[in-house]
């Protein structure tokens, strides 16, 4: 993919999430909001503490917390944190001795996330604007990186994976839920690599 294609993709994604920051209704082909989070297995006791403005903007496709344990005191990186739902859930798990950093490239979604963080008074959570392919974070600084429906949106996946593992500590874990295309809408006449 060349740079102009990546720029177009980023622009279209930015526009969609600019709208989702106001209301995600009608923007996604899968369930969203608090009911979706509960159906994906998030514990009601953790969901209920997340502010309603954040719960209503949950657009995750899975539950990264079911992929492995997150422990009190750990440092967690939420990749593409959006409105901050998973970051605020993680904060409840890691407690006041833990650290959560949520990164997203949508300033509008980060505004919602920050409002939610302030509402629940989570000083161990911080949000910053960044692309997954270029994280403004120190190497070896996180125990766990979580991602919920974001990696499929990243134009340069190899760069994103390099960055994720750069900021993870040795033995760190990536717990990602995502969606992907299975099959093709219409089969090509011949394989793209054939003449």
C-alpha atoms as a PDB file:
ATOM      1  CA  UNK A   1       0.000   0.000   0.000  1.00  0.00           C
ATOM      2  CA  UNK A   2       1.439   3.359  -0.952  1.00  0.00           C
ATOM      3  CA  UNK A   3       1.387   6.467   1.219  1.00  0.00           C
ATOM      4  CA  UNK A   4      -1.559   8.077  -0.567  1.00  0.00           C
ATOM      5  CA  UNK A   5      -3.728   4.967  -0.065  1.00  0.00           C
ATOM      6  CA  UNK A   6      -2.825   4.910   3.630  1.00  0.00           C
ATOM      7  CA  UNK A   7      -3.644   8.613   3.941  1.00  0.00           C
ATOM      8  CA  UNK A   8      -7.091   8.073   2.386  1.00  0.00           C
ATOM      9  CA  UNK A   9      -7.776   5.153   4.731  1.00  0.00           C
ATOM     10  CA  UNK A  10      -6.718   7.198   7.773  1.00  0.00           C
ATOM     11  CA  UNK A  11      -8.893  10.120   6.667  1.00  0.00           C
ATOM     12  CA  UNK A  12     -11.973   7.902   6.237  1.00  0.00           C
ATOM     13  CA  UNK A  13     -11.427   6.241   9.613  1.00  0.00           C
ATOM     14  CA  UNK A  14     -10.907   9.621  11.287  1.00  0.00           C
ATOM     15  CA  UNK A  15     -14.211  10.859   9.869  1.00  0.00           C
ATOM     16  CA  UNK A  16     -16.090   7.773  11.053  1.00  0.00           C
ATOM     17  CA  UNK A  17     -14.733   8.072  14.596  1.00  0.00           C
ATOM     18  CA  UNK A  18     -15.330  11.833  14.629  1.00  0.00           C
ATOM     19  CA  UNK A  19     -19.000  10.938  14.132  1.00  0.00           C
ATOM     20  CA  UNK A  20     -18.832   8.052  16.631  1.00  0.00           C
ATOM     21  CA  UNK A  21     -17.595  10.452  19.313  1.00  0.00           C
ATOM     22  CA  UNK A  22     -20.962  12.203  19.008  1.00  0.00           C
ATOM     23  CA  UNK A  23     -23.002   9.004  18.559  1.00  0.00           C
ATOM     24  CA  UNK A  24     -21.973   5.615  17.157  1.00  0.00           C
ATOM     25  CA  UNK A  25     -25.580   4.716  16.253  1.00  0.00           C
ATOM     26  CA  UNK A  26     -25.822   3.473  12.676  1.00  0.00           C
ATOM     27  CA  UNK A  27     -22.077   3.583  12.012  1.00  0.00           C
ATOM     28  CA  UNK A  28     -21.229  -0.073  12.699  1.00  0.00           C
ATOM     29  CA  UNK A  29     -22.544  -3.387  11.349  1.00  0.00           C
ATOM     30  CA  UNK A  30     -22.329  -5.076  14.733  1.00  0.00           C
ATOM     31  CA  UNK A  31     -23.792  -4.444  18.189  1.00  0.00           C
ATOM     32  CA  UNK A  32     -22.420  -1.481  20.138  1.00  0.00           C
ATOM     33  CA  UNK A  33     -22.856   0.142  23.531  1.00  0.00           C
ATOM     34  CA  UNK A  34     -23.273  -1.274  27.010  1.00  0.00           C
ATOM     35  CA  UNK A  35     -25.500  -4.178  25.940  1.00  0.00           C
ATOM     36  CA  UNK A  36     -22.819  -5.296  23.497  1.00  0.00           C
ATOM     37  CA  UNK A  37     -20.102  -5.163  26.169  1.00  0.00           C
ATOM     38  CA  UNK A  38     -22.220  -7.268  28.522  1.00  0.00           C
ATOM     39  CA  UNK A  39     -22.971  -9.774  25.732  1.00  0.00           C
ATOM     40  CA  UNK A  40     -19.209 -10.048  25.094  1.00  0.00           C
ATOM     41  CA  UNK A  41     -18.678 -11.155  28.681  1.00  0.00           C
ATOM     42  CA  UNK A  42     -17.527  -7.994  30.429  1.00  0.00           C
ATOM     43  CA  UNK A  43     -18.468  -8.322  34.105  1.00  0.00           C
ATOM     44  CA  UNK A  44     -21.487  -6.135  34.954  1.00  0.00           C
ATOM     45  CA  UNK A  45     -19.733  -4.962  38.135  1.00  0.00           C
ATOM     46  CA  UNK A  46     -16.885  -3.460  36.048  1.00  0.00           C
ATOM     47  CA  UNK A  47     -19.132  -2.125  33.273  1.00  0.00           C
ATOM     48  CA  UNK A  48     -21.392  -0.281  35.710  1.00  0.00           C
ATOM     49  CA  UNK A  49     -18.487   1.814  37.023  1.00  0.00           C
ATOM     50  CA  UNK A  50     -17.578   3.070  33.535  1.00  0.00           C
ATOM     51  CA  UNK A  51     -19.384   6.399  32.922  1.00  0.00           C
ATOM     52  CA  UNK A  52     -22.478   6.185  30.728  1.00  0.00           C
ATOM     53  CA  UNK A  53     -20.998   8.595  28.155  1.00  0.00           C
ATOM     54  CA  UNK A  54     -18.197   6.046  27.617  1.00  0.00           C
ATOM     55  CA  UNK A  55     -20.404   2.926  27.814  1.00  0.00           C
ATOM     56  CA  UNK A  56     -22.662   4.337  25.113  1.00  0.00           C
ATOM     57  CA  UNK A  57     -19.696   4.693  22.764  1.00  0.00           C
ATOM     58  CA  UNK A  58     -18.336   1.164  23.211  1.00  0.00           C
ATOM     59  CA  UNK A  59     -17.718  -0.176  19.694  1.00  0.00           C
ATOM     60  CA  UNK A  60     -15.461  -3.129  20.520  1.00  0.00           C
ATOM     61  CA  UNK A  61     -15.727  -6.418  18.679  1.00  0.00           C
ATOM     62  CA  UNK A  62     -14.601  -8.703  21.504  1.00  0.00           C
ATOM     63  CA  UNK A  63     -13.343  -8.829  25.062  1.00  0.00           C
ATOM     64  CA  UNK A  64      -9.536  -8.742  25.298  1.00  0.00           C
ATOM     65  CA  UNK A  65      -9.719  -9.420  29.037  1.00  0.00           C
ATOM     66  CA  UNK A  66     -10.830 -12.997  28.319  1.00  0.00           C
ATOM     67  CA  UNK A  67      -7.570 -13.700  26.458  1.00  0.00           C
ATOM     68  CA  UNK A  68      -5.341 -13.723  29.516  1.00  0.00           C
ATOM     69  CA  UNK A  69      -5.078 -12.393  33.034  1.00  0.00           C
ATOM     70  CA  UNK A  70      -4.400  -8.774  33.818  1.00  0.00           C
ATOM     71  CA  UNK A  71      -3.092  -8.365  37.337  1.00  0.00           C
ATOM     72  CA  UNK A  72      -3.086  -5.635  39.973  1.00  0.00           C
ATOM     73  CA  UNK A  73      -0.119  -3.316  39.542  1.00  0.00           C
ATOM     74  CA  UNK A  74       0.470  -4.068  35.849  1.00  0.00           C
ATOM     75  CA  UNK A  75       1.042  -1.454  33.160  1.00  0.00           C
ATOM     76  CA  UNK A  76      -1.505  -1.795  30.339  1.00  0.00           C
ATOM     77  CA  UNK A  77      -1.479  -0.114  26.943  1.00  0.00           C
ATOM     78  CA  UNK A  78      -4.881   0.230  25.255  1.00  0.00           C
ATOM     79  CA  UNK A  79      -4.259   0.486  21.506  1.00  0.00           C
ATOM     80  CA  UNK A  80      -6.943   2.501  19.730  1.00  0.00           C
ATOM     81  CA  UNK A  81      -8.707   3.213  23.002  1.00  0.00           C
ATOM     82  CA  UNK A  82     -11.532   5.205  21.430  1.00  0.00           C
ATOM     83  CA  UNK A  83     -13.832   6.556  24.131  1.00  0.00           C
ATOM     84  CA  UNK A  84     -11.788   4.775  26.809  1.00  0.00           C
ATOM     85  CA  UNK A  85     -14.054   1.857  27.728  1.00  0.00           C
ATOM     86  CA  UNK A  86     -11.363  -0.842  27.894  1.00  0.00           C
ATOM     87  CA  UNK A  87      -8.876   1.531  29.555  1.00  0.00           C
ATOM     88  CA  UNK A  88     -11.363   2.290  32.344  1.00  0.00           C
ATOM     89  CA  UNK A  89     -12.164  -1.411  32.773  1.00  0.00           C
ATOM     90  CA  UNK A  90      -8.430  -2.185  32.935  1.00  0.00           C
ATOM     91  CA  UNK A  91      -7.954   0.539  35.554  1.00  0.00           C
ATOM     92  CA  UNK A  92     -10.382  -1.265  37.851  1.00  0.00           C
ATOM     93  CA  UNK A  93      -8.388  -4.478  37.469  1.00  0.00           C
ATOM     94  CA  UNK A  94      -4.858  -3.082  37.905  1.00  0.00           C
ATOM     95  CA  UNK A  95      -5.905  -0.788  40.741  1.00  0.00           C
ATOM     96  CA  UNK A  96      -4.127   2.332  41.995  1.00  0.00           C
ATOM     97  CA  UNK A  97      -0.669   0.726  41.761  1.00  0.00           C
ATOM     98  CA  UNK A  98      -1.146  -0.025  38.062  1.00  0.00           C
ATOM     99  CA  UNK A  99      -0.831   2.198  35.036  1.00  0.00           C
ATOM    100  CA  UNK A 100      -3.030   2.503  31.962  1.00  0.00           C
ATOM    101  CA  UNK A 101      -2.205   4.431  28.806  1.00  0.00           C
ATOM    102  CA  UNK A 102      -4.806   4.679  26.082  1.00  0.00           C
ATOM    103  CA  UNK A 103      -3.722   5.805  22.624  1.00  0.00           C
ATOM    104  CA  UNK A 104      -5.983   6.793  19.769  1.00  0.00           C
ATOM    105  CA  UNK A 105      -5.596   8.992  16.730  1.00  0.00           C
ATOM    106  CA  UNK A 106      -9.081  10.521  17.074  1.00  0.00           C
ATOM    107  CA  UNK A 107      -8.971  13.677  19.210  1.00  0.00           C
ATOM    108  CA  UNK A 108     -12.768  13.623  19.386  1.00  0.00           C
ATOM    109  CA  UNK A 109     -12.830  10.143  20.923  1.00  0.00           C
ATOM    110  CA  UNK A 110     -10.006  11.093  23.292  1.00  0.00           C
ATOM    111  CA  UNK A 111     -12.090  14.027  24.524  1.00  0.00           C
ATOM    112  CA  UNK A 112     -14.838  11.570  25.513  1.00  0.00           C
ATOM    113  CA  UNK A 113     -12.258   9.244  27.110  1.00  0.00           C
ATOM    114  CA  UNK A 114     -10.733  12.049  29.167  1.00  0.00           C
ATOM    115  CA  UNK A 115     -14.169  13.185  30.374  1.00  0.00           C
ATOM    116  CA  UNK A 116     -14.869   9.614  31.509  1.00  0.00           C
ATOM    117  CA  UNK A 117     -11.486   9.371  33.258  1.00  0.00           C
ATOM    118  CA  UNK A 118     -12.153  12.609  35.142  1.00  0.00           C
ATOM    119  CA  UNK A 119     -15.667  11.496  36.096  1.00  0.00           C
ATOM    120  CA  UNK A 120     -14.436   8.280  37.752  1.00  0.00           C
ATOM    121  CA  UNK A 121     -11.265   9.918  39.110  1.00  0.00           C
ATOM    122  CA  UNK A 122      -8.677   7.524  37.685  1.00  0.00           C
ATOM    123  CA  UNK A 123      -5.266   9.185  38.036  1.00  0.00           C
ATOM    124  CA  UNK A 124      -3.573   5.928  36.946  1.00  0.00           C
ATOM    125  CA  UNK A 125      -5.097   6.367  33.468  1.00  0.00           C
ATOM    126  CA  UNK A 126      -3.762   8.698  30.806  1.00  0.00           C
ATOM    127  CA  UNK A 127      -4.783   9.189  27.209  1.00  0.00           C
ATOM    128  CA  UNK A 128      -2.674  10.444  24.317  1.00  0.00           C
ATOM    129  CA  UNK A 129      -3.153  11.045  20.627  1.00  0.00           C
ATOM    130  CA  UNK A 130      -1.025   8.698  18.544  1.00  0.00           C
ATOM    131  CA  UNK A 131      -1.122   6.161  15.739  1.00  0.00           C
ATOM    132  CA  UNK A 132      -0.381   2.545  16.623  1.00  0.00           C
ATOM    133  CA  UNK A 133       2.389   2.547  14.002  1.00  0.00           C
ATOM    134  CA  UNK A 134       4.236   5.343  15.838  1.00  0.00           C
ATOM    135  CA  UNK A 135       3.803   5.180  19.612  1.00  0.00           C
ATOM    136  CA  UNK A 136       5.312   8.084  21.606  1.00  0.00           C
ATOM    137  CA  UNK A 137       6.143   5.731  24.460  1.00  0.00           C
ATOM    138  CA  UNK A 138       9.310   4.330  25.983  1.00  0.00           C
ATOM    139  CA  UNK A 139      10.498   0.846  25.072  1.00  0.00           C
ATOM    140  CA  UNK A 140       9.887  -1.975  27.558  1.00  0.00           C
ATOM    141  CA  UNK A 141       7.276  -0.038  29.529  1.00  0.00           C
ATOM    142  CA  UNK A 142       4.107  -2.198  29.455  1.00  0.00           C
ATOM    143  CA  UNK A 143       3.172  -5.643  30.725  1.00  0.00           C
ATOM    144  CA  UNK A 144       0.126  -5.990  28.468  1.00  0.00           C
ATOM    145  CA  UNK A 145      -1.120  -4.332  25.287  1.00  0.00           C
ATOM    146  CA  UNK A 146      -4.827  -4.710  24.554  1.00  0.00           C
ATOM    147  CA  UNK A 147      -6.633  -3.956  21.327  1.00  0.00           C
ATOM    148  CA  UNK A 148     -10.315  -4.210  20.533  1.00  0.00           C
ATOM    149  CA  UNK A 149     -11.281  -3.930  16.879  1.00  0.00           C
ATOM    150  CA  UNK A 150      -8.394  -1.641  15.953  1.00  0.00           C
ATOM    151  CA  UNK A 151      -5.583  -3.556  14.273  1.00  0.00           C
ATOM    152  CA  UNK A 152      -7.722  -4.230  11.191  1.00  0.00           C
ATOM    153  CA  UNK A 153      -7.896  -0.441  10.688  1.00  0.00           C
ATOM    154  CA  UNK A 154      -4.133   0.106  10.749  1.00  0.00           C
ATOM    155  CA  UNK A 155      -2.737   0.580   7.222  1.00  0.00           C
ATOM    156  CA  UNK A 156       0.843  -0.446   8.100  1.00  0.00           C
ATOM    157  CA  UNK A 157       0.387  -3.584  10.186  1.00  0.00           C
ATOM    158  CA  UNK A 158       4.085  -4.610  10.247  1.00  0.00           C
ATOM    159  CA  UNK A 159       5.014  -1.186  11.660  1.00  0.00           C
ATOM    160  CA  UNK A 160       2.223  -1.463  14.233  1.00  0.00           C
ATOM    161  CA  UNK A 161       3.380  -4.896  15.386  1.00  0.00           C
ATOM    162  CA  UNK A 162       6.984  -3.669  15.681  1.00  0.00           C
ATOM    163  CA  UNK A 163       5.851  -0.714  17.785  1.00  0.00           C
ATOM    164  CA  UNK A 164       3.649  -2.837  20.031  1.00  0.00           C
ATOM    165  CA  UNK A 165       6.448  -5.271  20.809  1.00  0.00           C
ATOM    166  CA  UNK A 166       8.947  -2.423  21.219  1.00  0.00           C
ATOM    167  CA  UNK A 167       6.902  -0.938  24.093  1.00  0.00           C
ATOM    168  CA  UNK A 168       6.111  -4.302  25.716  1.00  0.00           C
ATOM    169  CA  UNK A 169       8.466  -5.520  28.426  1.00  0.00           C
ATOM    170  CA  UNK A 170      10.223  -8.853  27.878  1.00  0.00           C
ATOM    171  CA  UNK A 171       7.528 -11.478  28.394  1.00  0.00           C
ATOM    172  CA  UNK A 172       4.809  -8.875  27.743  1.00  0.00           C
ATOM    173  CA  UNK A 173       1.538  -9.910  26.119  1.00  0.00           C
ATOM    174  CA  UNK A 174      -0.660  -8.654  23.301  1.00  0.00           C
ATOM    175  CA  UNK A 175      -4.337  -9.450  23.857  1.00  0.00           C
ATOM    176  CA  UNK A 176      -6.230  -8.430  20.737  1.00  0.00           C
ATOM    177  CA  UNK A 177      -9.755  -8.959  19.479  1.00  0.00           C
ATOM    178  CA  UNK A 178     -10.458  -8.031  15.906  1.00  0.00           C
ATOM    179  CA  UNK A 179     -12.522  -8.643  12.814  1.00  0.00           C
ATOM    180  CA  UNK A 180     -11.445  -9.743   9.383  1.00  0.00           C
ATOM    181  CA  UNK A 181     -12.823 -10.449   5.957  1.00  0.00           C
ATOM    182  CA  UNK A 182     -13.371 -14.110   5.191  1.00  0.00           C
ATOM    183  CA  UNK A 183     -13.538 -14.965   1.529  1.00  0.00           C
ATOM    184  CA  UNK A 184     -14.252 -12.522  -1.239  1.00  0.00           C
ATOM    185  CA  UNK A 185     -17.452 -10.838  -2.332  1.00  0.00           C
ATOM    186  CA  UNK A 186     -16.826 -11.885  -5.935  1.00  0.00           C
ATOM    187  CA  UNK A 187     -13.998 -14.201  -6.932  1.00  0.00           C
ATOM    188  CA  UNK A 188     -11.347 -12.712  -9.213  1.00  0.00           C
ATOM    189  CA  UNK A 189     -11.023 -14.099 -12.737  1.00  0.00           C
ATOM    190  CA  UNK A 190      -7.471 -15.085 -11.908  1.00  0.00           C
ATOM    191  CA  UNK A 191      -5.085 -14.825  -9.030  1.00  0.00           C
ATOM    192  CA  UNK A 192      -3.548 -11.338  -8.633  1.00  0.00           C
ATOM    193  CA  UNK A 193      -0.028 -12.752  -8.870  1.00  0.00           C
ATOM    194  CA  UNK A 194      -0.584 -14.561 -12.185  1.00  0.00           C
ATOM    195  CA  UNK A 195       0.039 -13.019 -15.624  1.00  0.00           C
END
